[in-house]
Amino acid sequence: MSTLEPSAEQTREKMPRRPPEVDAYVDTFLSLVCDTSRRYILELLSVPDKDNNAVLPERRSGDIARAIGLSAPTTSEHLRQLAQAGLVTSRREGNTVYYQLRNHLLLKAFQDLLDALDGDFSLRLQRE
């Protein structure tokens, strides 16, 4: 090892550290949004209402299932996982369950990441 390269101990000291609970939350968030179907659900719920751009929509689970092309039971399981992680909230009206984003800022940051990845991928395609 060259004397200019940092030792493993020096590298560890520079690594950012978070409380273990925060790391667990970040890991859970990333594992949830790395699933394409759950990501599509979150993206669908992040599109503002057509009538009022300031209000995020509440969508019925059946409408979400149709929009992303999944069965109702599969969609319900994805929604349950997202709700368990605190990313969406739900309310029941009779037999119908409505879902809405819980933390729009978190999803906005994730959407910005997706937009950056889309742009980077487009640039790579243009260079080929």
N, C-alpha and C. Protein backbone atom coordinates (compact mmCIF):
# COMPACT_ATOMS: atom_id res chain seq x y z
N MET A 1 0.85 -1.17 0.00
CA MET A 1 0.00 0.00 0.00
C MET A 1 0.89 1.24 0.00
N SER A 2 0.60 2.17 -0.84
CA SER A 2 1.35 3.42 -0.93
C SER A 2 1.11 4.25 0.33
N THR A 3 2.07 5.09 0.68
CA THR A 3 1.90 5.93 1.86
C THR A 3 0.89 7.04 1.60
N LEU A 4 0.53 7.27 0.34
CA LEU A 4 -0.45 8.30 0.02
C LEU A 4 -1.89 7.80 0.18
N GLU A 5 -2.06 6.49 0.13
CA GLU A 5 -3.41 5.93 0.27
C GLU A 5 -3.80 5.87 1.73
N PRO A 6 -5.07 6.23 2.05
CA PRO A 6 -5.50 6.17 3.45
C PRO A 6 -5.63 4.71 3.90
N SER A 7 -5.34 4.49 5.16
CA SER A 7 -5.51 3.14 5.71
C SER A 7 -7.00 2.86 5.88
N ALA A 8 -7.33 1.59 6.10
CA ALA A 8 -8.72 1.21 6.31
C ALA A 8 -9.28 1.94 7.52
N GLU A 9 -8.48 2.10 8.55
CA GLU A 9 -8.94 2.79 9.77
C GLU A 9 -9.24 4.26 9.47
N GLN A 10 -8.38 4.92 8.69
CA GLN A 10 -8.62 6.32 8.35
C GLN A 10 -9.87 6.46 7.49
N THR A 11 -10.11 5.53 6.59
CA THR A 11 -11.29 5.58 5.73
C THR A 11 -12.55 5.43 6.57
N ARG A 12 -12.54 4.51 7.53
CA ARG A 12 -13.71 4.30 8.41
C ARG A 12 -14.03 5.56 9.18
N GLU A 13 -13.02 6.26 9.62
CA GLU A 13 -13.23 7.48 10.40
C GLU A 13 -13.93 8.55 9.57
N LYS A 14 -13.73 8.57 8.28
CA LYS A 14 -14.32 9.58 7.41
C LYS A 14 -15.71 9.21 6.92
N MET A 15 -16.08 7.96 7.11
CA MET A 15 -17.40 7.50 6.63
C MET A 15 -18.49 8.19 7.43
N PRO A 16 -19.53 8.67 6.74
CA PRO A 16 -20.65 9.28 7.48
C PRO A 16 -21.35 8.20 8.30
N ARG A 17 -21.76 8.55 9.48
CA ARG A 17 -22.44 7.60 10.35
C ARG A 17 -23.79 8.18 10.75
N ARG A 18 -24.77 7.33 10.73
CA ARG A 18 -26.11 7.69 11.18
C ARG A 18 -26.48 6.75 12.31
N PRO A 19 -27.46 7.14 13.09
CA PRO A 19 -27.96 6.19 14.09
C PRO A 19 -28.50 4.95 13.38
N PRO A 20 -28.36 3.78 13.99
CA PRO A 20 -28.81 2.54 13.35
C PRO A 20 -30.28 2.57 12.93
N GLU A 21 -31.11 3.29 13.68
CA GLU A 21 -32.53 3.38 13.34
C GLU A 21 -32.73 4.13 12.03
N VAL A 22 -31.92 5.16 11.80
CA VAL A 22 -32.01 5.93 10.56
C VAL A 22 -31.53 5.07 9.39
N ASP A 23 -30.43 4.35 9.60
CA ASP A 23 -29.96 3.44 8.54
C ASP A 23 -31.03 2.41 8.19
N ALA A 24 -31.70 1.87 9.20
CA ALA A 24 -32.76 0.89 8.95
C ALA A 24 -33.90 1.52 8.17
N TYR A 25 -34.26 2.76 8.50
CA TYR A 25 -35.33 3.46 7.79
C TYR A 25 -34.94 3.69 6.32
N VAL A 26 -33.70 4.14 6.10
CA VAL A 26 -33.21 4.37 4.74
C VAL A 26 -33.21 3.07 3.95
N ASP A 27 -32.72 2.01 4.56
CA ASP A 27 -32.69 0.71 3.88
C ASP A 27 -34.09 0.23 3.53
N THR A 28 -35.04 0.40 4.43
CA THR A 28 -36.42 0.00 4.17
C THR A 28 -36.99 0.82 3.02
N PHE A 29 -36.80 2.13 3.07
CA PHE A 29 -37.30 3.00 2.00
C PHE A 29 -36.74 2.56 0.65
N LEU A 30 -35.42 2.37 0.59
CA LEU A 30 -34.80 2.02 -0.69
C LEU A 30 -35.25 0.64 -1.18
N SER A 31 -35.41 -0.31 -0.28
CA SER A 31 -35.86 -1.64 -0.72
C SER A 31 -37.30 -1.57 -1.23
N LEU A 32 -38.12 -0.72 -0.63
CA LEU A 32 -39.50 -0.59 -1.09
C LEU A 32 -39.57 0.08 -2.46
N VAL A 33 -38.83 1.18 -2.64
CA VAL A 33 -38.94 1.92 -3.89
C VAL A 33 -38.13 1.28 -5.02
N CYS A 34 -37.30 0.31 -4.71
CA CYS A 34 -36.56 -0.37 -5.77
C CYS A 34 -37.41 -1.44 -6.46
N ASP A 35 -38.59 -1.71 -5.93
CA ASP A 35 -39.53 -2.60 -6.59
C ASP A 35 -40.32 -1.76 -7.60
N THR A 36 -40.32 -2.16 -8.86
CA THR A 36 -40.94 -1.38 -9.92
C THR A 36 -42.42 -1.10 -9.64
N SER A 37 -43.17 -2.09 -9.23
CA SER A 37 -44.61 -1.89 -8.99
C SER A 37 -44.85 -0.90 -7.87
N ARG A 38 -44.11 -1.01 -6.78
CA ARG A 38 -44.30 -0.06 -5.68
C ARG A 38 -43.86 1.34 -6.09
N ARG A 39 -42.80 1.41 -6.89
CA ARG A 39 -42.36 2.72 -7.38
C ARG A 39 -43.45 3.35 -8.25
N TYR A 40 -44.09 2.55 -9.11
CA TYR A 40 -45.18 3.08 -9.94
C TYR A 40 -46.35 3.54 -9.09
N ILE A 41 -46.65 2.81 -8.03
CA ILE A 41 -47.73 3.23 -7.13
C ILE A 41 -47.40 4.59 -6.52
N LEU A 42 -46.19 4.74 -6.02
CA LEU A 42 -45.78 6.00 -5.41
C LEU A 42 -45.79 7.14 -6.44
N GLU A 43 -45.34 6.85 -7.65
CA GLU A 43 -45.35 7.88 -8.68
C GLU A 43 -46.79 8.28 -9.03
N LEU A 44 -47.67 7.31 -9.11
CA LEU A 44 -49.08 7.59 -9.40
C LEU A 44 -49.69 8.47 -8.31
N LEU A 45 -49.37 8.17 -7.06
CA LEU A 45 -49.90 8.95 -5.96
C LEU A 45 -49.25 10.32 -5.83
N SER A 46 -48.15 10.54 -6.51
CA SER A 46 -47.46 11.84 -6.41
C SER A 46 -47.90 12.81 -7.50
N VAL A 47 -48.75 12.37 -8.42
CA VAL A 47 -49.25 13.25 -9.48
C VAL A 47 -50.40 14.08 -8.90
N PRO A 48 -50.27 15.41 -8.90
CA PRO A 48 -51.32 16.25 -8.32
C PRO A 48 -52.67 16.05 -9.00
N ASP A 49 -53.71 16.35 -8.25
CA ASP A 49 -55.07 16.28 -8.75
C ASP A 49 -55.24 17.22 -9.94
N LYS A 50 -55.95 16.79 -10.98
CA LYS A 50 -56.14 17.61 -12.17
C LYS A 50 -56.85 18.93 -11.84
N ASP A 51 -57.81 18.87 -10.92
CA ASP A 51 -58.60 20.06 -10.59
C ASP A 51 -57.86 21.02 -9.67
N ASN A 52 -56.94 20.50 -8.85
CA ASN A 52 -56.25 21.33 -7.88
C ASN A 52 -54.81 20.86 -7.78
N ASN A 53 -53.90 21.56 -8.45
CA ASN A 53 -52.50 21.13 -8.51
C ASN A 53 -51.80 21.09 -7.15
N ALA A 54 -52.38 21.75 -6.14
CA ALA A 54 -51.74 21.77 -4.83
C ALA A 54 -52.09 20.54 -4.01
N VAL A 55 -53.14 19.84 -4.41
CA VAL A 55 -53.62 18.71 -3.61
C VAL A 55 -53.18 17.40 -4.24
N LEU A 56 -52.54 16.56 -3.42
CA LEU A 56 -52.19 15.24 -3.89
C LEU A 56 -53.44 14.37 -3.85
N PRO A 57 -53.57 13.51 -4.83
CA PRO A 57 -54.81 12.74 -4.93
C PRO A 57 -54.91 11.63 -3.89
N GLU A 58 -56.14 11.28 -3.63
CA GLU A 58 -56.47 10.07 -2.89
C GLU A 58 -56.98 9.12 -3.95
N ARG A 59 -56.45 7.92 -4.00
CA ARG A 59 -56.89 6.98 -5.04
C ARG A 59 -57.36 5.69 -4.39
N ARG A 60 -58.37 5.12 -5.00
CA ARG A 60 -58.88 3.83 -4.53
C ARG A 60 -57.92 2.73 -4.94
N SER A 61 -57.83 1.71 -4.12
CA SER A 61 -56.89 0.62 -4.40
C SER A 61 -57.19 -0.03 -5.75
N GLY A 62 -58.47 -0.19 -6.09
CA GLY A 62 -58.83 -0.79 -7.38
C GLY A 62 -58.39 0.07 -8.55
N ASP A 63 -58.50 1.39 -8.41
CA ASP A 63 -58.04 2.30 -9.47
C ASP A 63 -56.53 2.24 -9.64
N ILE A 64 -55.83 2.11 -8.52
CA ILE A 64 -54.37 1.98 -8.57
C ILE A 64 -54.00 0.69 -9.29
N ALA A 65 -54.68 -0.40 -8.95
CA ALA A 65 -54.40 -1.69 -9.58
C ALA A 65 -54.59 -1.61 -11.09
N ARG A 66 -55.69 -1.02 -11.53
CA ARG A 66 -55.94 -0.89 -12.97
C ARG A 66 -54.90 0.00 -13.65
N ALA A 67 -54.53 1.09 -13.00
CA ALA A 67 -53.59 2.03 -13.60
C ALA A 67 -52.22 1.41 -13.83
N ILE A 68 -51.78 0.55 -12.93
CA ILE A 68 -50.44 -0.03 -13.09
C ILE A 68 -50.47 -1.45 -13.63
N GLY A 69 -51.68 -1.99 -13.85
CA GLY A 69 -51.81 -3.29 -14.50
C GLY A 69 -51.53 -4.49 -13.62
N LEU A 70 -51.86 -4.39 -12.34
CA LEU A 70 -51.66 -5.51 -11.43
C LEU A 70 -53.01 -6.00 -10.91
N SER A 71 -53.02 -7.20 -10.37
CA SER A 71 -54.23 -7.72 -9.76
C SER A 71 -54.51 -6.95 -8.47
N ALA A 72 -55.76 -6.97 -8.05
CA ALA A 72 -56.14 -6.29 -6.81
C ALA A 72 -55.38 -6.84 -5.60
N PRO A 73 -55.28 -8.18 -5.44
CA PRO A 73 -54.54 -8.69 -4.28
C PRO A 73 -53.06 -8.29 -4.27
N THR A 74 -52.43 -8.32 -5.43
CA THR A 74 -51.01 -7.93 -5.51
C THR A 74 -50.85 -6.46 -5.17
N THR A 75 -51.72 -5.64 -5.71
CA THR A 75 -51.67 -4.20 -5.42
C THR A 75 -51.91 -3.94 -3.94
N SER A 76 -52.88 -4.64 -3.37
CA SER A 76 -53.17 -4.46 -1.94
C SER A 76 -51.95 -4.82 -1.08
N GLU A 77 -51.22 -5.86 -1.46
CA GLU A 77 -50.03 -6.23 -0.71
C GLU A 77 -48.96 -5.15 -0.82
N HIS A 78 -48.76 -4.62 -2.01
CA HIS A 78 -47.79 -3.52 -2.18
C HIS A 78 -48.21 -2.32 -1.34
N LEU A 79 -49.49 -1.97 -1.37
CA LEU A 79 -50.00 -0.83 -0.61
C LEU A 79 -49.85 -1.07 0.89
N ARG A 80 -50.06 -2.30 1.33
CA ARG A 80 -49.90 -2.63 2.74
C ARG A 80 -48.46 -2.39 3.17
N GLN A 81 -47.50 -2.82 2.33
CA GLN A 81 -46.08 -2.63 2.64
C GLN A 81 -45.73 -1.14 2.68
N LEU A 82 -46.25 -0.37 1.74
CA LEU A 82 -45.98 1.07 1.70
C LEU A 82 -46.59 1.77 2.92
N ALA A 83 -47.77 1.34 3.32
CA ALA A 83 -48.42 1.93 4.49
C ALA A 83 -47.67 1.55 5.76
N GLN A 84 -47.23 0.31 5.84
CA GLN A 84 -46.48 -0.17 7.01
C GLN A 84 -45.19 0.64 7.19
N ALA A 85 -44.59 1.03 6.08
CA ALA A 85 -43.36 1.83 6.13
C ALA A 85 -43.64 3.31 6.34
N GLY A 86 -44.91 3.69 6.35
CA GLY A 86 -45.28 5.08 6.57
C GLY A 86 -45.18 5.95 5.34
N LEU A 87 -45.09 5.36 4.16
CA LEU A 87 -44.99 6.16 2.94
C LEU A 87 -46.35 6.59 2.41
N VAL A 88 -47.39 5.81 2.72
CA VAL A 88 -48.75 6.17 2.32
C VAL A 88 -49.66 6.04 3.53
N THR A 89 -50.76 6.75 3.48
CA THR A 89 -51.81 6.62 4.49
C THR A 89 -53.05 6.08 3.79
N SER A 90 -53.93 5.51 4.57
CA SER A 90 -55.15 4.97 4.00
C SER A 90 -56.33 5.35 4.86
N ARG A 91 -57.48 5.36 4.23
CA ARG A 91 -58.72 5.54 4.97
C ARG A 91 -59.77 4.67 4.30
N ARG A 92 -60.65 4.15 5.10
CA ARG A 92 -61.70 3.25 4.60
C ARG A 92 -63.02 4.00 4.58
N GLU A 93 -63.73 3.82 3.48
CA GLU A 93 -65.08 4.36 3.34
C GLU A 93 -65.95 3.21 2.86
N GLY A 94 -66.66 2.57 3.78
CA GLY A 94 -67.40 1.36 3.44
C GLY A 94 -66.44 0.25 3.09
N ASN A 95 -66.59 -0.33 1.90
CA ASN A 95 -65.69 -1.39 1.44
C ASN A 95 -64.51 -0.85 0.64
N THR A 96 -64.47 0.45 0.44
CA THR A 96 -63.44 1.05 -0.39
C THR A 96 -62.33 1.63 0.47
N VAL A 97 -61.09 1.35 0.08
CA VAL A 97 -59.93 1.91 0.78
C VAL A 97 -59.27 2.92 -0.15
N TYR A 98 -59.02 4.11 0.38
CA TYR A 98 -58.36 5.18 -0.36
C TYR A 98 -56.94 5.34 0.18
N TYR A 99 -56.01 5.59 -0.74
CA TYR A 99 -54.60 5.76 -0.36
C TYR A 99 -54.11 7.12 -0.82
N GLN A 100 -53.18 7.67 -0.03
CA GLN A 100 -52.59 8.96 -0.34
C GLN A 100 -51.16 8.97 0.18
N LEU A 101 -50.29 9.74 -0.49
CA LEU A 101 -48.91 9.86 0.00
C LEU A 101 -48.90 10.49 1.38
N ARG A 102 -48.01 10.02 2.21
CA ARG A 102 -47.88 10.58 3.55
C ARG A 102 -46.82 11.68 3.59
N ASN A 103 -45.73 11.50 2.85
CA ASN A 103 -44.63 12.45 2.89
C ASN A 103 -44.26 12.84 1.46
N HIS A 104 -44.87 13.91 0.98
CA HIS A 104 -44.64 14.32 -0.40
C HIS A 104 -43.20 14.77 -0.63
N LEU A 105 -42.56 15.41 0.33
CA LEU A 105 -41.18 15.89 0.14
C LEU A 105 -40.21 14.73 -0.07
N LEU A 106 -40.41 13.66 0.65
CA LEU A 106 -39.56 12.48 0.48
C LEU A 106 -39.71 11.92 -0.93
N LEU A 107 -40.95 11.84 -1.40
CA LEU A 107 -41.19 11.32 -2.74
C LEU A 107 -40.74 12.31 -3.81
N LYS A 108 -40.78 13.60 -3.52
CA LYS A 108 -40.29 14.61 -4.46
C LYS A 108 -38.78 14.43 -4.66
N ALA A 109 -38.08 14.21 -3.57
CA ALA A 109 -36.63 13.97 -3.67
C ALA A 109 -36.35 12.71 -4.48
N PHE A 110 -37.14 11.67 -4.25
CA PHE A 110 -36.96 10.44 -5.00
C PHE A 110 -37.30 10.66 -6.47
N GLN A 111 -38.35 11.43 -6.75
CA GLN A 111 -38.72 11.74 -8.14
C GLN A 111 -37.60 12.51 -8.83
N ASP A 112 -36.97 13.43 -8.10
CA ASP A 112 -35.83 14.17 -8.67
C ASP A 112 -34.70 13.20 -9.03
N LEU A 113 -34.47 12.20 -8.20
CA LEU A 113 -33.46 11.19 -8.50
C LEU A 113 -33.84 10.42 -9.77
N LEU A 114 -35.10 10.02 -9.86
CA LEU A 114 -35.56 9.30 -11.06
C LEU A 114 -35.38 10.15 -12.32
N ASP A 115 -35.73 11.44 -12.21
CA ASP A 115 -35.56 12.35 -13.36
C ASP A 115 -34.09 12.45 -13.76
N ALA A 116 -33.21 12.53 -12.77
CA ALA A 116 -31.77 12.60 -13.07
C ALA A 116 -31.29 11.31 -13.74
N LEU A 117 -31.78 10.17 -13.26
CA LEU A 117 -31.41 8.89 -13.87
C LEU A 117 -31.95 8.78 -15.30
N ASP A 118 -33.18 9.23 -15.51
CA ASP A 118 -33.75 9.24 -16.86
C ASP A 118 -32.89 10.08 -17.80
N GLY A 119 -32.51 11.29 -17.32
CA GLY A 119 -31.68 12.18 -18.15
C GLY A 119 -30.32 11.59 -18.44
N ASP A 120 -29.70 10.98 -17.45
CA ASP A 120 -28.39 10.37 -17.63
C ASP A 120 -28.47 9.22 -18.63
N PHE A 121 -29.51 8.41 -18.53
CA PHE A 121 -29.69 7.29 -19.44
C PHE A 121 -29.88 7.80 -20.88
N SER A 122 -30.67 8.86 -21.05
CA SER A 122 -30.88 9.44 -22.38
C SER A 122 -29.57 9.93 -22.98
N LEU A 123 -28.75 10.58 -22.17
CA LEU A 123 -27.44 11.05 -22.64
C LEU A 123 -26.56 9.88 -23.08
N ARG A 124 -26.58 8.81 -22.33
CA ARG A 124 -25.78 7.64 -22.68
C ARG A 124 -26.24 7.05 -24.01
N LEU A 125 -27.56 7.02 -24.24
CA LEU A 125 -28.08 6.50 -25.49
C LEU A 125 -27.66 7.37 -26.67
N GLN A 126 -27.64 8.68 -26.47
CA GLN A 126 -27.25 9.59 -27.55
C GLN A 126 -25.78 9.43 -27.94
N ARG A 127 -24.95 9.06 -26.96
CA ARG A 127 -23.51 8.92 -27.21
C ARG A 127 -23.18 7.63 -27.93
N GLU A 128 -24.08 6.66 -27.90
CA GLU A 128 -23.78 5.36 -28.51
C GLU A 128 -23.91 5.39 -30.01
